[in-house]
Amino acid sequence: MSVACGSAHILALTDYFKLFSWGVGSYGALGFGNTDDVSSPKELQIRYENSFEEIYVIACGKYHSMCLSKKNFIYSWGTG
């Protein structure tokens, strides 16, 4: 398991490649397509074409988040 923290949001990645996000949703930092706050871990699924990506590296900045998939795609959301 790994955890990454922004200024007011958190990403957590389980040993089974499940990604969770929660905290303050400012600038879309949580990755759910809105700016809503989420008070407890909520699963975030990264989709590419017709399947869900397996994520294995995560990182957070002040108001943005990033991850690296098993297929070596980098995904980023929030503000840069």
N, C-alpha and C. Protein backbone atom coordinates (compact mmCIF):
# COMPACT_ATOMS: atom_id res chain seq x y z
N MET A 1 0.85 -1.18 0.00
CA MET A 1 0.00 0.00 0.00
C MET A 1 0.89 1.23 0.00
N SER A 2 0.42 2.28 -0.70
CA SER A 2 1.13 3.55 -0.66
C SER A 2 0.11 4.68 -0.51
N VAL A 3 0.58 5.78 0.06
CA VAL A 3 -0.26 6.94 0.33
C VAL A 3 0.48 8.18 -0.15
N ALA A 4 -0.27 9.12 -0.76
CA ALA A 4 0.28 10.41 -1.17
C ALA A 4 -0.67 11.50 -0.67
N CYS A 5 -0.10 12.62 -0.25
CA CYS A 5 -0.90 13.71 0.32
C CYS A 5 -0.65 15.02 -0.40
N GLY A 6 -1.73 15.72 -0.72
CA GLY A 6 -1.65 17.08 -1.22
C GLY A 6 -1.86 18.03 -0.05
N SER A 7 -2.21 19.27 -0.32
CA SER A 7 -2.41 20.22 0.78
C SER A 7 -3.64 19.88 1.60
N ALA A 8 -4.67 19.30 0.98
CA ALA A 8 -5.89 18.96 1.72
C ALA A 8 -6.61 17.76 1.10
N HIS A 9 -5.86 16.92 0.40
CA HIS A 9 -6.45 15.71 -0.17
C HIS A 9 -5.44 14.56 -0.10
N ILE A 10 -5.96 13.34 -0.22
CA ILE A 10 -5.15 12.15 -0.06
C ILE A 10 -5.48 11.15 -1.15
N LEU A 11 -4.46 10.46 -1.65
CA LEU A 11 -4.62 9.29 -2.51
C LEU A 11 -4.05 8.09 -1.76
N ALA A 12 -4.70 6.96 -1.87
CA ALA A 12 -4.18 5.72 -1.29
C ALA A 12 -4.30 4.62 -2.34
N LEU A 13 -3.27 3.82 -2.46
CA LEU A 13 -3.23 2.73 -3.41
C LEU A 13 -3.04 1.43 -2.64
N THR A 14 -3.96 0.48 -2.85
CA THR A 14 -3.86 -0.80 -2.14
C THR A 14 -2.89 -1.73 -2.86
N ASP A 15 -2.57 -2.82 -2.20
CA ASP A 15 -1.70 -3.84 -2.80
C ASP A 15 -2.35 -4.52 -4.00
N TYR A 16 -3.66 -4.33 -4.17
CA TYR A 16 -4.39 -4.95 -5.28
C TYR A 16 -4.76 -3.93 -6.35
N PHE A 17 -3.99 -2.84 -6.42
CA PHE A 17 -4.12 -1.81 -7.44
C PHE A 17 -5.43 -1.03 -7.37
N LYS A 18 -6.09 -1.00 -6.23
CA LYS A 18 -7.29 -0.18 -6.06
C LYS A 18 -6.84 1.19 -5.57
N LEU A 19 -7.38 2.23 -6.21
CA LEU A 19 -7.00 3.60 -5.90
C LEU A 19 -8.16 4.29 -5.19
N PHE A 20 -7.86 4.98 -4.10
CA PHE A 20 -8.87 5.70 -3.32
C PHE A 20 -8.43 7.15 -3.19
N SER A 21 -9.41 8.04 -3.17
CA SER A 21 -9.17 9.47 -3.07
C SER A 21 -10.17 10.08 -2.11
N TRP A 22 -9.72 11.08 -1.31
CA TRP A 22 -10.64 11.80 -0.43
C TRP A 22 -9.98 13.08 0.06
N GLY A 23 -10.83 13.96 0.59
CA GLY A 23 -10.35 15.25 1.10
C GLY A 23 -11.11 16.40 0.45
N VAL A 24 -10.42 17.52 0.31
CA VAL A 24 -11.00 18.72 -0.29
C VAL A 24 -10.89 18.60 -1.81
N GLY A 25 -12.00 18.79 -2.49
CA GLY A 25 -12.05 18.59 -3.93
C GLY A 25 -11.71 19.81 -4.77
N SER A 26 -11.17 20.86 -4.17
CA SER A 26 -10.83 22.09 -4.91
C SER A 26 -10.04 21.78 -6.18
N TYR A 27 -10.40 22.45 -7.26
CA TYR A 27 -9.73 22.34 -8.56
C TYR A 27 -9.81 20.94 -9.16
N GLY A 28 -10.67 20.09 -8.64
CA GLY A 28 -10.80 18.74 -9.17
C GLY A 28 -9.69 17.80 -8.73
N ALA A 29 -9.02 18.13 -7.64
CA ALA A 29 -7.86 17.36 -7.18
C ALA A 29 -8.17 15.91 -6.82
N LEU A 30 -9.44 15.59 -6.57
CA LEU A 30 -9.78 14.22 -6.18
C LEU A 30 -9.97 13.29 -7.37
N GLY A 31 -10.22 13.85 -8.55
CA GLY A 31 -10.33 13.04 -9.75
C GLY A 31 -11.72 12.52 -10.08
N PHE A 32 -12.74 13.05 -9.43
CA PHE A 32 -14.10 12.56 -9.67
C PHE A 32 -14.88 13.43 -10.66
N GLY A 33 -14.22 14.37 -11.31
CA GLY A 33 -14.88 15.19 -12.31
C GLY A 33 -15.68 16.35 -11.75
N ASN A 34 -15.46 16.68 -10.47
CA ASN A 34 -16.15 17.80 -9.86
C ASN A 34 -15.24 18.41 -8.78
N THR A 35 -15.75 19.36 -8.03
CA THR A 35 -14.96 19.99 -6.96
C THR A 35 -15.56 19.69 -5.59
N ASP A 36 -16.36 18.64 -5.50
CA ASP A 36 -16.98 18.26 -4.23
C ASP A 36 -15.94 17.70 -3.27
N ASP A 37 -16.13 17.98 -1.98
CA ASP A 37 -15.30 17.39 -0.94
C ASP A 37 -15.79 15.98 -0.66
N VAL A 38 -14.89 15.09 -0.30
CA VAL A 38 -15.22 13.70 0.04
C VAL A 38 -14.60 13.41 1.39
N SER A 39 -15.42 13.05 2.38
CA SER A 39 -14.94 12.93 3.75
C SER A 39 -14.33 11.58 4.10
N SER A 40 -14.55 10.56 3.30
CA SER A 40 -13.95 9.25 3.57
C SER A 40 -13.48 8.64 2.25
N PRO A 41 -12.57 7.69 2.29
CA PRO A 41 -12.01 7.13 1.05
C PRO A 41 -13.08 6.65 0.08
N LYS A 42 -12.93 7.07 -1.16
CA LYS A 42 -13.85 6.68 -2.23
C LYS A 42 -13.01 6.15 -3.38
N GLU A 43 -13.41 4.99 -3.91
CA GLU A 43 -12.61 4.40 -4.98
C GLU A 43 -12.66 5.25 -6.24
N LEU A 44 -11.49 5.43 -6.83
CA LEU A 44 -11.31 6.18 -8.07
C LEU A 44 -10.81 5.20 -9.12
N GLN A 45 -11.57 5.03 -10.19
CA GLN A 45 -11.17 4.10 -11.24
C GLN A 45 -10.71 4.89 -12.46
N ILE A 46 -9.54 4.55 -12.94
CA ILE A 46 -8.97 5.19 -14.12
C ILE A 46 -9.27 4.28 -15.30
N ARG A 47 -9.94 4.85 -16.29
CA ARG A 47 -10.40 4.06 -17.44
C ARG A 47 -9.63 4.47 -18.69
N TYR A 48 -9.19 3.48 -19.45
CA TYR A 48 -8.56 3.71 -20.76
C TYR A 48 -9.23 2.79 -21.76
N GLU A 49 -9.76 3.37 -22.82
CA GLU A 49 -10.53 2.64 -23.82
C GLU A 49 -11.63 1.85 -23.13
N ASN A 50 -11.64 0.53 -23.21
CA ASN A 50 -12.73 -0.26 -22.65
C ASN A 50 -12.38 -1.00 -21.37
N SER A 51 -11.30 -0.61 -20.72
CA SER A 51 -10.91 -1.32 -19.50
C SER A 51 -10.39 -0.35 -18.44
N PHE A 52 -10.34 -0.84 -17.23
CA PHE A 52 -9.82 -0.03 -16.13
C PHE A 52 -8.31 -0.27 -16.01
N GLU A 53 -7.58 0.80 -15.76
CA GLU A 53 -6.14 0.72 -15.62
C GLU A 53 -5.75 0.20 -14.25
N GLU A 54 -4.66 -0.55 -14.19
CA GLU A 54 -4.05 -0.91 -12.92
C GLU A 54 -3.01 0.15 -12.61
N ILE A 55 -3.18 0.81 -11.50
CA ILE A 55 -2.30 1.90 -11.10
C ILE A 55 -1.27 1.35 -10.13
N TYR A 56 0.01 1.77 -10.29
CA TYR A 56 0.99 1.28 -9.34
C TYR A 56 1.89 2.35 -8.75
N VAL A 57 1.78 3.60 -9.19
CA VAL A 57 2.51 4.71 -8.56
C VAL A 57 1.55 5.89 -8.45
N ILE A 58 1.55 6.57 -7.29
CA ILE A 58 0.69 7.74 -7.09
C ILE A 58 1.51 8.90 -6.54
N ALA A 59 1.03 10.12 -6.79
CA ALA A 59 1.67 11.32 -6.27
C ALA A 59 0.64 12.43 -6.18
N CYS A 60 0.83 13.33 -5.23
CA CYS A 60 -0.04 14.49 -5.07
C CYS A 60 0.80 15.76 -4.99
N GLY A 61 0.26 16.82 -5.58
CA GLY A 61 0.81 18.15 -5.41
C GLY A 61 -0.16 18.93 -4.54
N LYS A 62 0.01 20.22 -4.50
CA LYS A 62 -0.85 21.05 -3.65
C LYS A 62 -2.32 20.89 -4.01
N TYR A 63 -2.67 21.05 -5.30
CA TYR A 63 -4.05 20.94 -5.75
C TYR A 63 -4.21 20.01 -6.94
N HIS A 64 -3.30 19.07 -7.12
CA HIS A 64 -3.41 18.13 -8.23
C HIS A 64 -2.92 16.76 -7.79
N SER A 65 -3.25 15.76 -8.60
CA SER A 65 -2.84 14.38 -8.33
C SER A 65 -2.37 13.75 -9.63
N MET A 66 -1.52 12.75 -9.50
CA MET A 66 -1.00 12.05 -10.67
C MET A 66 -0.85 10.57 -10.34
N CYS A 67 -0.89 9.75 -11.37
CA CYS A 67 -0.63 8.34 -11.17
C CYS A 67 -0.01 7.76 -12.44
N LEU A 68 0.65 6.63 -12.25
CA LEU A 68 1.27 5.91 -13.35
C LEU A 68 0.64 4.53 -13.42
N SER A 69 0.19 4.15 -14.61
CA SER A 69 -0.46 2.85 -14.77
C SER A 69 0.56 1.77 -15.11
N LYS A 70 0.11 0.55 -14.99
CA LYS A 70 0.95 -0.60 -15.31
C LYS A 70 1.35 -0.59 -16.78
N LYS A 71 0.54 0.07 -17.63
CA LYS A 71 0.84 0.18 -19.06
C LYS A 71 1.75 1.38 -19.36
N ASN A 72 2.26 2.03 -18.30
CA ASN A 72 3.15 3.19 -18.38
C ASN A 72 2.47 4.44 -18.93
N PHE A 73 1.17 4.60 -18.68
CA PHE A 73 0.47 5.84 -18.98
C PHE A 73 0.48 6.70 -17.72
N ILE A 74 0.69 7.99 -17.88
CA ILE A 74 0.63 8.93 -16.76
C ILE A 74 -0.70 9.66 -16.84
N TYR A 75 -1.40 9.71 -15.73
CA TYR A 75 -2.68 10.43 -15.63
C TYR A 75 -2.52 11.54 -14.61
N SER A 76 -3.11 12.69 -14.91
CA SER A 76 -3.03 13.84 -14.01
C SER A 76 -4.37 14.55 -14.00
N TRP A 77 -4.74 15.09 -12.82
CA TRP A 77 -5.98 15.84 -12.71
C TRP A 77 -5.82 16.88 -11.62
N GLY A 78 -6.72 17.86 -11.63
CA GLY A 78 -6.61 19.00 -10.73
C GLY A 78 -5.95 20.16 -11.45
N THR A 79 -5.35 21.06 -10.69
CA THR A 79 -4.67 22.21 -11.29
C THR A 79 -3.17 22.01 -11.23
N GLY A 80 -2.49 22.46 -12.26
CA GLY A 80 -1.03 22.30 -12.33
C GLY A 80 -0.33 23.38 -11.61
